[in-house]
């Protein structure tokens, strides 16, 4: 019986962890590096950030998350642009 309770508690904790960042958009709660490596998800996160009301954009944890998403996307685009430039010049 104790094992089932422990398993149930672990399952609830896992589900809570997945839902914890839902209020930060479809792919919220990641680092700038993660967004740079998942550029299509960063684009969806950026769209979510652009579409939320301005007052919500100013909430610190939302603002920080959107900033990481924008920066990660920008890092990817900067790297990609430099690769294209180097390929055409070299």
C-alpha atoms as a PDB file:
ATOM      1  CA  UNK A   1       0.000   0.000   0.000  1.00  0.00           C
ATOM      2  CA  UNK A   2       2.818   2.402   0.854  1.00  0.00           C
ATOM      3  CA  UNK A   3       4.421   1.811  -2.565  1.00  0.00           C
ATOM      4  CA  UNK A   4       1.209   2.795  -4.360  1.00  0.00           C
ATOM      5  CA  UNK A   5       0.969   6.021  -2.355  1.00  0.00           C
ATOM      6  CA  UNK A   6       4.586   6.839  -3.147  1.00  0.00           C
ATOM      7  CA  UNK A   7       4.028   6.135  -6.837  1.00  0.00           C
ATOM      8  CA  UNK A   8       0.894   8.311  -6.849  1.00  0.00           C
ATOM      9  CA  UNK A   9       2.760  11.155  -5.133  1.00  0.00           C
ATOM     10  CA  UNK A  10       5.593  10.910  -7.656  1.00  0.00           C
ATOM     11  CA  UNK A  11       3.114  11.019 -10.528  1.00  0.00           C
ATOM     12  CA  UNK A  12       1.348  14.069  -9.143  1.00  0.00           C
ATOM     13  CA  UNK A  13       4.681  15.817  -8.618  1.00  0.00           C
ATOM     14  CA  UNK A  14       5.728  15.052 -12.200  1.00  0.00           C
ATOM     15  CA  UNK A  15       2.472  16.431 -13.572  1.00  0.00           C
ATOM     16  CA  UNK A  16       2.785  19.545 -11.443  1.00  0.00           C
ATOM     17  CA  UNK A  17       6.289  20.091 -12.783  1.00  0.00           C
ATOM     18  CA  UNK A  18       5.052  19.931 -16.362  1.00  0.00           C
ATOM     19  CA  UNK A  19       2.307  22.443 -15.700  1.00  0.00           C
ATOM     20  CA  UNK A  20       4.455  24.821 -13.669  1.00  0.00           C
ATOM     21  CA  UNK A  21       5.622  26.814 -16.686  1.00  0.00           C
ATOM     22  CA  UNK A  22       2.353  26.751 -18.624  1.00  0.00           C
ATOM     23  CA  UNK A  23       1.610  30.322 -17.555  1.00  0.00           C
ATOM     24  CA  UNK A  24       4.822  31.334 -19.366  1.00  0.00           C
ATOM     25  CA  UNK A  25       3.635  30.315 -22.810  1.00  0.00           C
ATOM     26  CA  UNK A  26       3.769  27.130 -24.833  1.00  0.00           C
ATOM     27  CA  UNK A  27       7.503  26.581 -24.201  1.00  0.00           C
ATOM     28  CA  UNK A  28       8.136  28.803 -21.194  1.00  0.00           C
ATOM     29  CA  UNK A  29      10.711  28.381 -18.481  1.00  0.00           C
ATOM     30  CA  UNK A  30      13.775  27.554 -20.549  1.00  0.00           C
ATOM     31  CA  UNK A  31      17.203  29.131 -20.833  1.00  0.00           C
ATOM     32  CA  UNK A  32      18.415  31.355 -23.649  1.00  0.00           C
ATOM     33  CA  UNK A  33      20.629  28.512 -24.852  1.00  0.00           C
ATOM     34  CA  UNK A  34      17.667  26.128 -24.962  1.00  0.00           C
ATOM     35  CA  UNK A  35      15.704  28.575 -27.121  1.00  0.00           C
ATOM     36  CA  UNK A  36      18.733  29.014 -29.418  1.00  0.00           C
ATOM     37  CA  UNK A  37      18.804  25.242 -29.908  1.00  0.00           C
ATOM     38  CA  UNK A  38      15.017  24.999 -30.387  1.00  0.00           C
ATOM     39  CA  UNK A  39      14.418  27.945 -32.697  1.00  0.00           C
ATOM     40  CA  UNK A  40      10.956  26.872 -33.898  1.00  0.00           C
ATOM     41  CA  UNK A  41       9.762  26.588 -30.319  1.00  0.00           C
ATOM     42  CA  UNK A  42      11.349  29.960 -29.589  1.00  0.00           C
ATOM     43  CA  UNK A  43       9.328  31.421 -32.459  1.00  0.00           C
ATOM     44  CA  UNK A  44       6.114  30.067 -30.937  1.00  0.00           C
ATOM     45  CA  UNK A  45       7.118  31.403 -27.530  1.00  0.00           C
ATOM     46  CA  UNK A  46       7.920  34.805 -29.066  1.00  0.00           C
ATOM     47  CA  UNK A  47       4.509  34.913 -30.730  1.00  0.00           C
ATOM     48  CA  UNK A  48       2.887  34.099 -27.391  1.00  0.00           C
ATOM     49  CA  UNK A  49       4.901  36.882 -25.756  1.00  0.00           C
ATOM     50  CA  UNK A  50       3.878  39.342 -28.468  1.00  0.00           C
ATOM     51  CA  UNK A  51       0.193  38.463 -28.099  1.00  0.00           C
ATOM     52  CA  UNK A  52      -0.193  38.813 -24.322  1.00  0.00           C
ATOM     53  CA  UNK A  53      -1.457  42.092 -22.856  1.00  0.00           C
ATOM     54  CA  UNK A  54       1.177  44.758 -22.161  1.00  0.00           C
ATOM     55  CA  UNK A  55       0.467  44.678 -18.424  1.00  0.00           C
ATOM     56  CA  UNK A  56       1.249  40.964 -18.304  1.00  0.00           C
ATOM     57  CA  UNK A  57       4.439  41.513 -20.299  1.00  0.00           C
ATOM     58  CA  UNK A  58       5.699  43.684 -17.449  1.00  0.00           C
ATOM     59  CA  UNK A  59       5.401  40.953 -14.778  1.00  0.00           C
ATOM     60  CA  UNK A  60       9.020  40.159 -13.940  1.00  0.00           C
ATOM     61  CA  UNK A  61       8.951  36.385 -14.455  1.00  0.00           C
ATOM     62  CA  UNK A  62       7.010  36.755 -17.729  1.00  0.00           C
ATOM     63  CA  UNK A  63       9.337  39.524 -18.914  1.00  0.00           C
ATOM     64  CA  UNK A  64      12.424  37.457 -18.036  1.00  0.00           C
ATOM     65  CA  UNK A  65      11.052  34.416 -19.848  1.00  0.00           C
ATOM     66  CA  UNK A  66      10.167  36.385 -22.971  1.00  0.00           C
ATOM     67  CA  UNK A  67      13.590  38.039 -22.930  1.00  0.00           C
ATOM     68  CA  UNK A  68      15.304  34.627 -22.818  1.00  0.00           C
ATOM     69  CA  UNK A  69      13.145  33.446 -25.714  1.00  0.00           C
ATOM     70  CA  UNK A  70      13.843  36.534 -27.837  1.00  0.00           C
ATOM     71  CA  UNK A  71      17.578  36.382 -27.087  1.00  0.00           C
ATOM     72  CA  UNK A  72      17.794  32.666 -27.849  1.00  0.00           C
ATOM     73  CA  UNK A  73      16.025  33.179 -31.160  1.00  0.00           C
ATOM     74  CA  UNK A  74      18.330  36.105 -31.910  1.00  0.00           C
ATOM     75  CA  UNK A  75      21.432  34.067 -31.064  1.00  0.00           C
ATOM     76  CA  UNK A  76      20.334  31.366 -33.480  1.00  0.00           C
ATOM     77  CA  UNK A  77      19.585  33.879 -36.231  1.00  0.00           C
ATOM     78  CA  UNK A  78      22.894  35.676 -35.687  1.00  0.00           C
ATOM     79  CA  UNK A  79      24.830  32.420 -35.918  1.00  0.00           C
ATOM     80  CA  UNK A  80      22.852  31.307 -38.967  1.00  0.00           C
ATOM     81  CA  UNK A  81      23.360  34.656 -40.696  1.00  0.00           C
ATOM     82  CA  UNK A  82      27.108  34.518 -40.082  1.00  0.00           C
ATOM     83  CA  UNK A  83      27.265  30.990 -41.510  1.00  0.00           C
ATOM     84  CA  UNK A  84      25.453  32.125 -44.669  1.00  0.00           C
ATOM     85  CA  UNK A  85      27.760  35.153 -44.941  1.00  0.00           C
ATOM     86  CA  UNK A  86      30.896  33.033 -44.484  1.00  0.00           C
ATOM     87  CA  UNK A  87      29.657  30.497 -47.038  1.00  0.00           C
ATOM     88  CA  UNK A  88      29.042  33.193 -49.663  1.00  0.00           C
ATOM     89  CA  UNK A  89      32.296  35.067 -49.005  1.00  0.00           C
ATOM     90  CA  UNK A  90      34.589  32.063 -48.650  1.00  0.00           C
END
